[in-house]
Amino acid sequence: MVQFYKNIKQSKLAFSCALQEKASFILFKIILIVGIICYMIVLWKKREEINYWGRHIFILFAWGGYICIEAATRDNFHSNKQDIFDCIIKKMEEEQIKKYEELKVPKEI
């Protein structure tokens, strides 16, 4: 019975750690998104003073790209696409094997 309560306590601890990690991850994403919006507002207000836009555009592009990459990895987008490609390749291989089997010439005795 004591072991049962220890297991429950350990599972609660593991759940709270996972929840805390997920909350910090969400907070990090919110900070990234709010940061890029604030940077865009500052650029909008200083648009008359800025002579060269290349660096600012690059920063916005890199920042937005990083947010997109993080969202894609969070949603396992890369593994879903890989599964789709694997399925397509497998079907193509099966069709090629079937065509090869149809073209086989029977062996003569």
C-alpha atoms as a PDB file:
ATOM      1  CA  MET A   1       0.000   0.000   0.000  1.00  0.00           C
ATOM      2  CA  VAL A   2       2.872   2.343   0.788  1.00  0.00           C
ATOM      3  CA  GLN A   3       4.404   1.623  -2.630  1.00  0.00           C
ATOM      4  CA  PHE A   4       1.104   2.592  -4.262  1.00  0.00           C
ATOM      5  CA  TYR A   5       1.165   6.017  -2.584  1.00  0.00           C
ATOM      6  CA  LYS A   6       4.811   6.502  -3.552  1.00  0.00           C
ATOM      7  CA  ASN A   7       3.935   5.762  -7.192  1.00  0.00           C
ATOM      8  CA  ILE A   8       1.068   8.254  -7.058  1.00  0.00           C
ATOM      9  CA  LYS A   9       3.339  10.889  -5.544  1.00  0.00           C
ATOM     10  CA  GLN A  10       5.993  10.291  -8.214  1.00  0.00           C
ATOM     11  CA  SER A  11       3.435  10.472 -11.025  1.00  0.00           C
ATOM     12  CA  LYS A  12       2.037  13.737  -9.621  1.00  0.00           C
ATOM     13  CA  LEU A  13       5.556  15.138  -9.455  1.00  0.00           C
ATOM     14  CA  ALA A  14       6.292  14.075 -13.026  1.00  0.00           C
ATOM     15  CA  PHE A  15       2.984  15.563 -14.212  1.00  0.00           C
ATOM     16  CA  SER A  16       3.657  18.873 -12.466  1.00  0.00           C
ATOM     17  CA  CYS A  17       7.171  19.026 -13.955  1.00  0.00           C
ATOM     18  CA  ALA A  18       5.797  18.363 -17.442  1.00  0.00           C
ATOM     19  CA  LEU A  19       3.069  20.960 -16.928  1.00  0.00           C
ATOM     20  CA  GLN A  20       5.594  23.501 -15.670  1.00  0.00           C
ATOM     21  CA  GLU A  21       7.834  22.845 -18.677  1.00  0.00           C
ATOM     22  CA  LYS A  22       4.901  23.262 -21.064  1.00  0.00           C
ATOM     23  CA  ALA A  23       3.862  26.504 -19.337  1.00  0.00           C
ATOM     24  CA  SER A  24       7.372  27.927 -19.646  1.00  0.00           C
ATOM     25  CA  PHE A  25       7.415  26.912 -23.327  1.00  0.00           C
ATOM     26  CA  ILE A  26       4.097  28.706 -23.930  1.00  0.00           C
ATOM     27  CA  LEU A  27       5.344  31.772 -22.052  1.00  0.00           C
ATOM     28  CA  PHE A  28       8.481  31.807 -24.221  1.00  0.00           C
ATOM     29  CA  LYS A  29       6.336  31.718 -27.382  1.00  0.00           C
ATOM     30  CA  ILE A  30       4.134  34.537 -26.125  1.00  0.00           C
ATOM     31  CA  ILE A  31       7.207  36.641 -25.376  1.00  0.00           C
ATOM     32  CA  LEU A  32       8.540  35.982 -28.904  1.00  0.00           C
ATOM     33  CA  ILE A  33       5.253  36.986 -30.539  1.00  0.00           C
ATOM     34  CA  VAL A  34       4.776  40.088 -28.378  1.00  0.00           C
ATOM     35  CA  GLY A  35       8.404  41.024 -29.024  1.00  0.00           C
ATOM     36  CA  ILE A  36       8.030  40.866 -32.793  1.00  0.00           C
ATOM     37  CA  ILE A  37       4.824  42.917 -32.641  1.00  0.00           C
ATOM     38  CA  CYS A  38       6.524  45.555 -30.475  1.00  0.00           C
ATOM     39  CA  TYR A  39       9.498  45.659 -32.870  1.00  0.00           C
ATOM     40  CA  MET A  40       7.119  46.197 -35.787  1.00  0.00           C
ATOM     41  CA  ILE A  41       5.390  49.052 -33.921  1.00  0.00           C
ATOM     42  CA  VAL A  42       8.740  50.707 -33.167  1.00  0.00           C
ATOM     43  CA  LEU A  43       9.719  50.393 -36.828  1.00  0.00           C
ATOM     44  CA  TRP A  44       6.404  51.903 -37.880  1.00  0.00           C
ATOM     45  CA  LYS A  45       6.925  54.908 -35.615  1.00  0.00           C
ATOM     46  CA  LYS A  46      10.558  55.411 -36.734  1.00  0.00           C
ATOM     47  CA  ARG A  47       9.927  54.829 -40.452  1.00  0.00           C
ATOM     48  CA  GLU A  48      10.861  58.421 -41.337  1.00  0.00           C
ATOM     49  CA  GLU A  49      14.248  58.179 -39.571  1.00  0.00           C
ATOM     50  CA  ILE A  50      15.320  54.798 -40.983  1.00  0.00           C
ATOM     51  CA  ASN A  51      17.501  55.098 -44.070  1.00  0.00           C
ATOM     52  CA  TYR A  52      18.422  51.447 -44.593  1.00  0.00           C
ATOM     53  CA  TRP A  53      15.694  48.858 -44.148  1.00  0.00           C
ATOM     54  CA  GLY A  54      17.715  45.726 -44.980  1.00  0.00           C
ATOM     55  CA  ARG A  55      18.824  44.924 -41.449  1.00  0.00           C
ATOM     56  CA  HIS A  56      15.363  45.536 -39.995  1.00  0.00           C
ATOM     57  CA  ILE A  57      13.675  43.406 -42.635  1.00  0.00           C
ATOM     58  CA  PHE A  58      16.209  40.625 -42.020  1.00  0.00           C
ATOM     59  CA  ILE A  59      15.591  40.744 -38.263  1.00  0.00           C
ATOM     60  CA  LEU A  60      11.821  40.514 -38.797  1.00  0.00           C
ATOM     61  CA  PHE A  61      12.275  37.682 -41.292  1.00  0.00           C
ATOM     62  CA  ALA A  62      14.597  35.701 -39.005  1.00  0.00           C
ATOM     63  CA  TRP A  63      12.436  36.286 -35.935  1.00  0.00           C
ATOM     64  CA  GLY A  64       9.248  35.244 -37.734  1.00  0.00           C
ATOM     65  CA  GLY A  65      11.000  32.246 -39.268  1.00  0.00           C
ATOM     66  CA  TYR A  66      12.155  31.083 -35.848  1.00  0.00           C
ATOM     67  CA  ILE A  67       8.603  31.354 -34.501  1.00  0.00           C
ATOM     68  CA  CYS A  68       7.325  29.304 -37.469  1.00  0.00           C
ATOM     69  CA  ILE A  69      10.005  26.653 -36.938  1.00  0.00           C
ATOM     70  CA  GLU A  70       9.132  26.363 -33.259  1.00  0.00           C
ATOM     71  CA  ALA A  71       5.420  26.049 -34.063  1.00  0.00           C
ATOM     72  CA  ALA A  72       6.117  23.385 -36.690  1.00  0.00           C
ATOM     73  CA  THR A  73       8.238  21.311 -34.308  1.00  0.00           C
ATOM     74  CA  ARG A  74       5.662  21.712 -31.557  1.00  0.00           C
ATOM     75  CA  ASP A  75       2.969  20.300 -33.848  1.00  0.00           C
ATOM     76  CA  ASN A  76       5.261  17.543 -35.217  1.00  0.00           C
ATOM     77  CA  PHE A  77       4.762  18.969 -38.687  1.00  0.00           C
ATOM     78  CA  HIS A  78       8.055  17.521 -39.880  1.00  0.00           C
ATOM     79  CA  SER A  79       7.175  13.967 -38.836  1.00  0.00           C
ATOM     80  CA  ASN A  80       3.696  14.223 -40.382  1.00  0.00           C
ATOM     81  CA  LYS A  81       5.201  15.300 -43.704  1.00  0.00           C
ATOM     82  CA  GLN A  82       7.787  12.526 -43.480  1.00  0.00           C
ATOM     83  CA  ASP A  83       5.012   9.966 -42.932  1.00  0.00           C
ATOM     84  CA  ILE A  84       3.182  11.263 -46.010  1.00  0.00           C
ATOM     85  CA  PHE A  85       6.320  11.054 -48.154  1.00  0.00           C
ATOM     86  CA  ASP A  86       7.105   7.564 -46.847  1.00  0.00           C
ATOM     87  CA  CYS A  87       3.587   6.430 -47.742  1.00  0.00           C
ATOM     88  CA  ILE A  88       3.862   7.876 -51.264  1.00  0.00           C
ATOM     89  CA  ILE A  89       7.260   6.262 -51.816  1.00  0.00           C
ATOM     90  CA  LYS A  90       5.968   2.917 -50.539  1.00  0.00           C
ATOM     91  CA  LYS A  91       3.013   3.036 -52.951  1.00  0.00           C
ATOM     92  CA  MET A  92       5.331   3.909 -55.838  1.00  0.00           C
ATOM     93  CA  GLU A  93       7.606   0.984 -54.972  1.00  0.00           C
ATOM     94  CA  GLU A  94       4.637  -1.390 -54.815  1.00  0.00           C
ATOM     95  CA  GLU A  95       3.442  -0.212 -58.241  1.00  0.00           C
ATOM     96  CA  GLN A  96       6.920  -0.684 -59.705  1.00  0.00           C
ATOM     97  CA  ILE A  97       7.131  -4.202 -58.265  1.00  0.00           C
ATOM     98  CA  LYS A  98       3.700  -5.030 -59.662  1.00  0.00           C
ATOM     99  CA  LYS A  99       4.693  -3.773 -63.123  1.00  0.00           C
ATOM    100  CA  TYR A 100       7.915  -5.773 -62.948  1.00  0.00           C
ATOM    101  CA  GLU A 101       6.015  -8.928 -62.015  1.00  0.00           C
ATOM    102  CA  GLU A 102       3.687  -8.421 -64.986  1.00  0.00           C
ATOM    103  CA  LEU A 103       6.616  -8.026 -67.375  1.00  0.00           C
ATOM    104  CA  LYS A 104       8.469 -11.127 -66.239  1.00  0.00           C
ATOM    105  CA  VAL A 105       9.030 -13.633 -68.970  1.00  0.00           C
ATOM    106  CA  PRO A 106       8.200 -17.218 -67.989  1.00  0.00           C
ATOM    107  CA  LYS A 107      11.226 -19.487 -67.796  1.00  0.00           C
ATOM    108  CA  GLU A 108      11.577 -22.152 -70.406  1.00  0.00           C
ATOM    109  CA  ILE A 109      12.308 -25.677 -69.359  1.00  0.00           C
END
